[in-house]
Protein backbone atom coordinates (compact mmCIF):
# COMPACT_ATOMS: atom_id res chain seq x y z
CA MET A 1 -38.97 18.29 13.10
CA LYS A 2 -40.93 15.58 10.97
CA LEU A 3 -37.60 14.03 9.73
CA LEU A 4 -36.19 13.81 13.27
CA GLN A 5 -39.33 12.05 14.29
CA THR A 6 -39.13 9.60 11.54
CA LEU A 7 -35.54 8.88 12.34
CA CYS A 8 -36.28 8.26 16.08
CA GLU A 9 -39.26 6.02 15.48
CA THR A 10 -37.54 3.83 13.03
CA PRO A 11 -36.28 0.59 14.93
CA ALA A 12 -32.54 -0.19 14.28
CA VAL A 13 -30.38 -1.91 16.89
CA PRO A 14 -26.73 -2.83 16.21
CA GLY A 15 -26.60 -5.41 13.54
CA ARG A 16 -30.32 -4.81 12.42
CA GLU A 17 -30.24 -1.33 10.95
CA GLN A 18 -31.71 -2.13 7.55
CA ARG A 19 -34.91 0.11 8.05
CA LEU A 20 -32.66 3.18 8.89
CA ILE A 21 -30.20 2.44 6.22
CA ASP A 22 -33.12 2.64 3.69
CA VAL A 23 -34.23 6.00 5.31
CA MET A 24 -30.72 7.55 5.44
CA LYS A 25 -29.98 6.43 1.76
CA THR A 26 -33.28 8.04 0.67
CA HIS A 27 -32.60 11.25 2.35
CA LEU A 28 -28.90 11.52 1.36
CA ALA A 29 -29.25 10.80 -2.18
CA PRO A 30 -30.58 14.25 -3.29
CA TYR A 31 -27.72 16.10 -1.67
CA CYS A 32 -24.61 13.82 -2.82
CA ASP A 33 -23.13 12.80 -6.05
CA ASP A 34 -23.08 9.28 -5.09
CA VAL A 35 -24.52 7.05 -2.16
CA SER A 36 -23.34 3.54 -1.36
CA ILE A 37 -23.70 1.11 1.28
CA ASP A 38 -20.59 -0.82 2.31
CA PRO A 39 -20.49 -4.49 3.48
CA MET A 40 -20.96 -3.55 7.00
CA GLY A 41 -24.13 -1.51 6.29
CA ASN A 42 -22.64 1.91 6.61
CA VAL A 43 -24.29 4.51 4.35
CA ILE A 44 -21.77 6.57 2.59
CA GLY A 45 -22.75 9.75 0.78
CA TYR A 46 -20.08 11.31 -1.31
CA LYS A 47 -19.92 15.06 -2.28
CA PRO A 48 -16.59 15.90 -4.23
CA SER A 49 -14.91 19.25 -4.37
CA LYS A 50 -13.86 20.69 -7.54
CA LYS A 51 -10.64 22.08 -5.87
CA LYS A 52 -7.48 20.15 -6.83
CA ASN A 53 -6.05 17.97 -4.15
CA ALA A 54 -8.89 18.76 -1.87
CA ARG A 55 -8.86 17.46 1.75
CA THR A 56 -11.33 14.68 2.37
CA VAL A 57 -13.74 15.25 5.45
CA MET A 58 -15.46 12.14 6.88
CA ILE A 59 -18.61 13.14 8.74
CA SER A 60 -20.01 10.18 10.94
CA ALA A 61 -23.33 9.72 12.92
CA HIS A 62 -24.28 6.37 14.00
CA MET A 63 -27.60 4.78 13.04
CA ASP A 64 -28.05 2.21 15.78
CA GLU A 65 -29.80 2.57 19.05
CA ILE A 66 -29.67 0.48 22.14
CA GLY A 67 -31.99 -2.44 22.14
CA PHE A 68 -32.16 -6.24 22.73
CA VAL A 69 -32.12 -9.38 20.98
CA VAL A 70 -34.50 -12.29 21.88
CA ASN A 71 -32.61 -15.37 23.22
CA HIS A 72 -35.50 -17.47 24.45
CA VAL A 73 -39.30 -17.81 24.38
CA ASP A 74 -40.70 -20.10 27.07
CA LYS A 75 -43.76 -22.26 26.89
CA ASN A 76 -45.96 -19.69 28.30
CA GLY A 77 -44.79 -16.99 25.81
CA PHE A 78 -42.72 -15.01 28.13
CA ILE A 79 -39.81 -13.54 26.16
CA ARG A 80 -36.13 -13.31 27.44
CA ILE A 81 -33.62 -10.99 25.96
CA VAL A 82 -30.02 -10.13 25.88
CA PRO A 83 -28.91 -6.44 25.33
CA ARG A 84 -27.22 -4.76 22.32
CA GLY A 85 -25.65 -1.74 23.87
CA PHE A 86 -25.51 -0.40 27.27
CA HIS A 87 -28.72 -0.24 29.40
CA MET A 88 -29.70 0.98 32.85
CA PRO A 89 -32.02 -1.75 34.10
CA ARG A 90 -33.79 0.52 36.68
CA THR A 91 -35.22 2.77 33.57
CA LEU A 92 -36.61 -0.29 31.89
CA CYS A 93 -38.99 -1.68 34.50
CA SER A 94 -42.65 -1.59 33.40
CA GLN A 95 -41.68 0.07 30.11
CA ARG A 96 -43.23 -0.65 26.72
CA VAL A 97 -41.11 -2.22 24.17
CA ARG A 98 -41.63 -3.29 20.46
CA VAL A 99 -40.55 -6.74 19.36
CA ILE A 100 -39.61 -6.94 15.68
CA GLY A 101 -40.58 -10.38 14.72
CA LYS A 102 -42.77 -12.16 11.95
CA LYS A 103 -45.11 -9.34 13.06
CA GLU A 104 -44.47 -6.44 15.25
CA LEU A 105 -45.77 -6.79 18.88
CA ILE A 106 -45.92 -4.46 21.99
CA GLY A 107 -44.54 -5.89 25.11
CA ILE A 108 -43.98 -4.85 28.67
CA ALA A 109 -40.42 -5.36 30.15
CA GLU A 110 -40.68 -6.50 33.86
CA VAL A 111 -38.54 -8.08 36.45
CA ALA A 112 -39.22 -11.55 37.69
CA PRO A 113 -41.60 -11.55 40.75
CA ALA A 114 -38.97 -13.03 43.05
CA LEU A 115 -37.11 -9.66 42.93
CA GLN A 116 -40.21 -7.73 43.76
CA ASP A 117 -40.23 -8.56 47.56
CA ALA A 118 -39.74 -5.77 50.12
CA LYS A 119 -36.01 -6.37 50.59
CA LYS A 120 -35.02 -6.60 46.91
CA ARG A 121 -37.50 -3.73 45.72
CA GLU A 122 -34.91 -0.93 46.17
CA GLU A 123 -32.06 -2.83 44.31
CA MET A 124 -31.08 -2.33 40.89
CA PRO A 125 -32.59 -5.20 38.80
CA ALA A 126 -30.27 -7.22 36.58
CA LEU A 127 -30.87 -7.53 32.96
CA LYS A 128 -30.97 -11.39 33.05
CA SER A 129 -33.83 -11.16 35.45
CA MET A 130 -36.14 -9.32 32.94
CA PHE A 131 -38.54 -10.72 30.53
CA ILE A 132 -41.02 -9.29 28.07
CA ASP A 133 -44.77 -9.97 28.43
CA THR A 134 -46.90 -9.51 25.28
CA GLY A 135 -50.07 -10.93 26.91
CA LEU A 136 -50.46 -13.34 24.18
CA GLY A 137 -49.41 -16.36 26.16
CA LYS A 138 -48.49 -19.40 24.20
CA ALA A 139 -49.38 -17.66 20.99
CA ALA A 140 -46.31 -15.42 21.31
CA LYS A 141 -44.19 -18.36 20.35
CA ASN A 142 -45.70 -18.43 16.95
CA ALA A 143 -44.87 -14.70 16.48
CA VAL A 144 -41.42 -14.44 18.08
CA THR A 145 -38.17 -16.31 17.40
CA VAL A 146 -34.66 -16.43 18.80
CA GLY A 147 -32.77 -13.51 17.04
CA ASP A 148 -35.53 -11.12 16.76
CA PHE A 149 -34.70 -7.67 17.79
CA VAL A 150 -36.44 -5.42 20.48
CA VAL A 151 -36.36 -1.54 20.97
CA LEU A 152 -37.92 0.76 23.38
CA GLU A 153 -41.44 1.89 22.56
CA ARG A 154 -41.71 5.76 22.91
CA SER A 155 -43.25 8.14 20.53
CA PHE A 156 -41.65 11.59 19.72
CA GLU A 157 -42.99 14.53 21.60
CA GLU A 158 -42.40 18.25 21.01
CA GLN A 159 -43.04 20.46 24.12
CA GLY A 160 -42.06 24.04 24.01
CA SER A 161 -38.26 24.26 22.96
CA VAL A 162 -37.50 20.77 23.72
CA CYS A 163 -37.92 17.36 22.09
CA ILE A 164 -38.47 14.15 24.23
CA SER A 165 -37.98 10.64 22.63
CA LYS A 166 -36.02 7.45 22.45
CA ALA A 167 -33.01 7.11 20.44
CA PHE A 168 -31.90 10.74 20.08
CA ASP A 169 -28.58 8.74 20.51
CA ASP A 170 -27.88 9.10 17.85
CA ARG A 171 -30.68 9.98 15.52
CA VAL A 172 -30.32 13.64 16.30
CA GLY A 173 -26.58 13.19 14.74
CA CYS A 174 -28.26 11.63 11.67
CA TYR A 175 -30.60 14.43 11.50
CA VAL A 176 -27.83 17.06 11.76
CA LEU A 177 -25.97 15.26 9.07
CA LEU A 178 -28.85 15.16 6.62
CA GLU A 179 -29.87 18.81 7.35
CA THR A 180 -26.22 20.00 6.84
CA MET A 181 -26.06 18.13 3.57
CA LYS A 182 -29.14 19.66 2.56
CA GLN A 183 -28.02 23.27 3.15
CA LEU A 184 -24.58 22.68 1.47
CA HIS A 185 -25.78 20.68 -1.60
CA THR A 186 -25.85 23.62 -3.93
CA LYS A 187 -22.57 25.12 -2.77
CA GLU A 188 -19.03 24.58 -4.09
CA LEU A 189 -17.10 23.33 -1.11
CA PRO A 190 -13.37 23.51 -0.73
CA VAL A 191 -13.31 19.82 0.62
CA ASN A 192 -14.59 16.42 -0.34
CA ILE A 193 -17.25 15.17 1.93
CA CYS A 194 -17.98 11.69 2.89
CA ALA A 195 -21.26 11.71 4.84
CA VAL A 196 -21.52 8.48 6.80
CA GLY A 197 -24.48 6.93 8.64
CA SER A 198 -22.45 4.36 10.65
CA VAL A 199 -23.55 1.02 12.12
CA GLN A 200 -22.90 -0.91 15.36
CA GLU A 201 -21.43 2.07 17.30
CA GLU A 202 -23.25 0.92 20.38
CA VAL A 203 -21.30 -2.31 20.59
CA GLY A 204 -17.84 -0.84 19.83
CA LEU A 205 -17.76 1.69 17.17
CA ARG A 206 -17.56 -1.07 14.57
CA GLY A 207 -19.08 0.53 11.49
CA ALA A 208 -17.13 3.71 11.71
CA ARG A 209 -13.95 1.72 12.05
CA GLY A 210 -14.37 0.06 8.68
CA ALA A 211 -15.45 3.23 7.03
CA ALA A 212 -12.56 5.21 8.24
CA LYS A 213 -10.20 2.58 7.25
CA SER A 214 -11.59 2.57 3.75
CA ILE A 215 -12.04 6.46 3.23
CA THR A 216 -8.84 7.38 5.03
CA PRO A 217 -10.11 10.84 5.61
CA ASP A 218 -7.73 13.97 6.35
CA ILE A 219 -10.35 15.03 8.94
CA GLY A 220 -13.05 13.30 10.78
CA VAL A 221 -16.07 14.86 12.35
CA ALA A 222 -18.42 12.84 14.74
CA LEU A 223 -21.79 13.91 15.34
CA ASP A 224 -23.32 12.51 18.57
CA VAL A 225 -25.05 13.26 21.87
CA THR A 226 -23.39 14.18 25.11
CA VAL A 227 -24.36 14.28 28.77
CA ALA A 228 -26.33 17.29 29.87
CA ALA A 229 -26.54 16.39 33.63
CA ASP A 230 -27.91 19.97 34.39
CA VAL A 231 -30.51 18.58 36.74
CA PRO A 232 -31.12 18.87 40.54
CA GLY A 233 -28.57 17.00 42.62
CA ILE A 234 -25.66 17.44 40.23
CA SER A 235 -22.92 19.99 41.05
CA GLU A 236 -22.13 22.48 38.30
CA ASP A 237 -18.67 20.98 37.62
CA GLN A 238 -20.15 17.55 36.99
CA GLN A 239 -22.90 18.64 34.59
CA VAL A 240 -20.76 18.47 31.37
CA THR A 241 -23.23 20.54 29.28
CA THR A 242 -26.30 22.44 29.70
CA LEU A 243 -29.50 22.01 27.68
CA GLY A 244 -30.14 25.04 25.58
CA ASN A 245 -26.74 26.54 25.89
CA GLY A 246 -25.74 25.61 22.30
CA VAL A 247 -23.74 22.91 20.51
CA ALA A 248 -20.97 21.26 22.38
CA ILE A 249 -17.46 21.37 20.91
CA LYS A 250 -15.80 18.17 22.24
CA ILE A 251 -12.24 18.48 23.76
CA ASN A 252 -12.13 15.04 24.71
CA ASP A 253 -13.88 11.91 26.17
CA SER A 254 -12.50 8.63 27.52
CA SER A 255 -11.79 7.23 24.09
CA ALA A 256 -10.53 10.16 21.84
CA ILE A 257 -8.69 13.40 22.14
CA CYS A 258 -9.78 16.03 19.61
CA ASN A 259 -7.18 17.89 17.47
CA HIS A 260 -6.53 21.13 19.25
CA GLY A 261 -6.35 23.16 16.07
CA LEU A 262 -9.81 21.87 14.92
CA VAL A 263 -11.21 22.62 18.30
CA ARG A 264 -9.80 26.24 18.06
CA GLN A 265 -11.12 26.68 14.58
CA LEU A 266 -14.70 25.41 15.75
CA GLN A 267 -14.43 27.92 18.48
CA THR A 268 -13.29 30.71 16.23
CA LEU A 269 -16.07 30.05 13.66
CA ALA A 270 -18.75 29.81 16.50
CA LYS A 271 -17.67 33.26 17.80
CA LYS A 272 -17.43 34.91 14.32
CA HIS A 273 -20.89 33.80 13.34
CA LYS A 274 -22.36 34.26 16.75
CA ILE A 275 -23.49 30.55 16.98
CA LYS A 276 -24.21 29.58 20.65
CA HIS A 277 -21.68 26.95 21.84
CA GLN A 278 -20.28 25.31 24.88
CA MET A 279 -17.19 23.29 25.54
CA GLU A 280 -17.28 19.46 26.37
CA VAL A 281 -15.06 17.46 28.39
CA LEU A 282 -16.46 14.13 28.98
CA SER A 283 -14.82 11.87 31.59
CA GLY A 284 -16.38 8.66 30.28
CA GLY A 285 -17.86 7.40 27.07
CA GLY A 286 -16.95 7.41 23.45
CA THR A 287 -18.08 8.15 19.97
CA ASP A 288 -17.19 7.53 16.29
CA THR A 289 -14.41 10.09 17.03
CA ALA A 290 -12.26 7.38 18.33
CA ALA A 291 -12.85 5.14 15.48
CA MET A 292 -11.84 7.67 12.99
CA GLN A 293 -8.76 8.64 15.14
CA MET A 294 -7.57 5.03 15.45
CA PHE A 295 -8.54 3.60 11.99
CA GLY A 296 -8.55 6.70 9.75
CA SER A 297 -5.46 8.69 8.65
CA GLY A 298 -6.39 12.11 9.87
CA ALA A 299 -7.19 14.51 12.72
CA VAL A 300 -10.61 14.42 14.45
CA CYS A 301 -13.09 16.52 16.17
CA ALA A 302 -16.62 16.14 17.21
CA LEU A 303 -19.74 18.17 17.71
CA SER A 304 -22.35 17.08 20.24
CA ILE A 305 -25.89 17.64 21.13
CA PRO A 306 -26.54 17.99 24.89
CA THR A 307 -28.88 15.47 25.89
CA ARG A 308 -30.68 14.72 29.34
CA TYR A 309 -31.34 11.06 30.27
CA ILE A 310 -29.04 9.27 27.73
CA HIS A 311 -29.74 5.57 27.21
CA THR A 312 -33.15 5.71 28.82
CA PRO A 313 -36.75 5.45 27.09
CA ASN A 314 -37.07 9.35 27.23
CA GLU A 315 -34.02 11.36 26.14
CA MET A 316 -34.61 15.20 25.90
CA ILE A 317 -32.87 17.76 23.56
CA HIS A 318 -33.24 21.47 23.05
CA LYS A 319 -34.29 22.60 19.41
CA ASN A 320 -31.80 25.56 19.57
CA ASP A 321 -28.87 23.18 20.29
CA VAL A 322 -29.68 21.23 17.25
CA LYS A 323 -29.95 24.45 15.06
CA ALA A 324 -26.55 25.55 16.39
CA CYS A 325 -25.05 22.23 15.64
CA ILE A 326 -26.23 22.42 11.95
CA ALA A 327 -25.06 25.96 11.66
CA LEU A 328 -21.61 25.26 12.95
CA LEU A 329 -20.95 22.17 11.07
CA SER A 330 -21.95 23.99 7.79
CA ARG A 331 -19.52 26.72 8.49
CA PHE A 332 -16.77 24.27 9.44
CA LEU A 333 -17.12 22.46 6.02
CA GLU A 334 -17.12 25.88 4.19
CA ASN A 335 -13.72 26.43 5.77
CA ALA A 336 -12.31 23.15 6.40
CA ASP A 337 -9.53 23.75 3.83
CA LYS A 338 -8.13 26.51 6.21
CA ALA A 339 -8.01 24.27 9.32
CA LYS A 340 -4.64 24.21 10.79
CA LEU A 341 -3.78 21.03 12.71
CA GLU A 342 -2.08 21.58 16.14
CA PHE A 343 -0.38 18.81 18.20
């Protein structure tokens, strides 16, 4: 899982994905005929089919992670931030962060002391009340400027069958994309593949919109995480998916409805090849699926990795779910010419 660790630990917030763009380009290049970077920063690897009039399949996994941008450094060196992407402030208090400025600094995200009295202690802190303390005092002003970006600081850990890290959303999707292209690169496929590492998903699916509009795929496949709320206090009907129960085949979320024919084919392939899977109906949230549906020209589907504690400093995935996702995506691409769309 060394590649997954590299992906997770590479800092890249929306609009500042350059480091991960470089990683994705390097790892896609051996498995594609061409790799390009579009004006938005999307990394697009192209593997053509020799089949005449072949369908084009766009696979999208977003490269950005939730983070922050510095908007003020006060006279004492305390750093104020604004979010890029959705955060739950309660998960941030007293957590380490990495400030990417002239040099990289480790800081602690904290809440203004006024909110730490007995009456306020149990309340959800507001992001605007948070600051970052590097401990450098006034010297921080020489190292950090407005516009520098900030990511959560968490190492990648393997423990038994699970992995724990920041940014599995959506570095695990990027990993699945790269590993699938690696498995298929010597095979003749019946479809053209555009493997896309998209940018700025966490702030509105922006990269995938532009990529889908230019590629105009016949079929779009999004790779992302989904909620695994299989924890104490959550009823079974609200858990969405279960860690270790296999890749999730998305039916719909709040932003996109997957083509029923593609969903059925994914189910059929999973059963035929004995790939562990589960079905996903997500009441909220959205992925690049929606961008491809609205700005592409074809049908869409999505494969999801069940993930506990999404958008926190410590997300959790199961290795077998990742393997199942790679296996099912590979089988799908080998048979995507046979997909029958249903409406």
